[in-house]
Amino acid sequence: MHVKLPHLRYISWDFTVDSEERIVLIEANLFGQSVWFPQIVSGKGLFDEMDE
């Protein structure tokens, strides 16, 4: 889904699984992430190269 929004570097996707075991998107959070969040998710420091 992120491919459709290439101008946004970080999106926090909230998903759930319904009673029929289908993945359902709840929301996409575009603001409010802290600096630590992308670092934990990517395993890279804030100033590391993004295209390694």
C-alpha atoms as a PDB file:
ATOM      1  CA  MET A   1       0.000   0.000   0.000  1.00  0.00           C
ATOM      2  CA  HIS A   2       2.901   2.329   0.640  1.00  0.00           C
ATOM      3  CA  VAL A   3       3.823   2.176  -3.055  1.00  0.00           C
ATOM      4  CA  LYS A   4       0.723   4.270  -3.765  1.00  0.00           C
ATOM      5  CA  LEU A   5       2.063   7.060  -1.506  1.00  0.00           C
ATOM      6  CA  PRO A   6       5.754   7.327  -2.476  1.00  0.00           C
ATOM      7  CA  HIS A   7       6.066  10.958  -1.351  1.00  0.00           C
ATOM      8  CA  LEU A   8       5.529   9.903   2.280  1.00  0.00           C
ATOM      9  CA  ARG A   9       8.620   8.434   3.893  1.00  0.00           C
ATOM     10  CA  TYR A  10       6.970   6.887   6.961  1.00  0.00           C
ATOM     11  CA  ILE A  11       3.457   5.637   7.454  1.00  0.00           C
ATOM     12  CA  SER A  12       2.257   3.685  10.462  1.00  0.00           C
ATOM     13  CA  TRP A  13      -0.308   1.203   9.200  1.00  0.00           C
ATOM     14  CA  ASP A  14      -2.803  -0.213  11.697  1.00  0.00           C
ATOM     15  CA  PHE A  15      -4.238  -3.580  10.674  1.00  0.00           C
ATOM     16  CA  THR A  16      -6.392  -6.234  12.274  1.00  0.00           C
ATOM     17  CA  VAL A  17      -7.612  -9.679  11.293  1.00  0.00           C
ATOM     18  CA  ASP A  18     -11.378 -10.196  10.992  1.00  0.00           C
ATOM     19  CA  SER A  19     -13.411 -13.268  11.986  1.00  0.00           C
ATOM     20  CA  GLU A  20     -12.787 -14.811   8.558  1.00  0.00           C
ATOM     21  CA  GLU A  21      -9.006 -14.320   8.947  1.00  0.00           C
ATOM     22  CA  ARG A  22      -8.833 -11.532   6.363  1.00  0.00           C
ATOM     23  CA  ILE A  23      -6.448  -8.649   6.940  1.00  0.00           C
ATOM     24  CA  VAL A  24      -8.315  -5.361   7.355  1.00  0.00           C
ATOM     25  CA  LEU A  25      -6.770  -1.890   7.287  1.00  0.00           C
ATOM     26  CA  ILE A  26      -7.949   0.205  10.225  1.00  0.00           C
ATOM     27  CA  GLU A  27      -6.048   3.407   9.525  1.00  0.00           C
ATOM     28  CA  ALA A  28      -2.849   4.964   8.227  1.00  0.00           C
ATOM     29  CA  ASN A  29      -1.077   7.355  10.586  1.00  0.00           C
ATOM     30  CA  LEU A  30       0.849   9.997   8.677  1.00  0.00           C
ATOM     31  CA  PHE A  31       1.809  12.206  11.621  1.00  0.00           C
ATOM     32  CA  GLY A  32       2.801  11.709  15.214  1.00  0.00           C
ATOM     33  CA  GLN A  33       5.570   9.161  14.890  1.00  0.00           C
ATOM     34  CA  SER A  34       8.624   9.962  16.916  1.00  0.00           C
ATOM     35  CA  VAL A  35      12.216   9.759  15.725  1.00  0.00           C
ATOM     36  CA  TRP A  36      12.715   6.449  17.571  1.00  0.00           C
ATOM     37  CA  PHE A  37       9.916   4.683  15.686  1.00  0.00           C
ATOM     38  CA  PRO A  38      11.488   4.556  12.196  1.00  0.00           C
ATOM     39  CA  GLN A  39      14.832   3.701  13.754  1.00  0.00           C
ATOM     40  CA  ILE A  40      13.407   0.644  15.503  1.00  0.00           C
ATOM     41  CA  VAL A  41      11.401  -0.482  12.475  1.00  0.00           C
ATOM     42  CA  SER A  42      14.253  -0.113   9.971  1.00  0.00           C
ATOM     43  CA  GLY A  43      17.059  -1.110  12.318  1.00  0.00           C
ATOM     44  CA  LYS A  44      19.003   1.960  11.184  1.00  0.00           C
ATOM     45  CA  GLY A  45      20.022   5.192  12.835  1.00  0.00           C
ATOM     46  CA  LEU A  46      18.342   8.459  11.952  1.00  0.00           C
ATOM     47  CA  PHE A  47      21.153   9.609   9.652  1.00  0.00           C
ATOM     48  CA  ASP A  48      21.990   6.259   8.006  1.00  0.00           C
ATOM     49  CA  GLU A  49      21.658   5.929   4.252  1.00  0.00           C
ATOM     50  CA  MET A  50      18.092   4.989   3.286  1.00  0.00           C
ATOM     51  CA  ASP A  51      19.029   3.213   0.049  1.00  0.00           C
ATOM     52  CA  GLU A  52      21.472   0.549   1.120  1.00  0.00           C
END
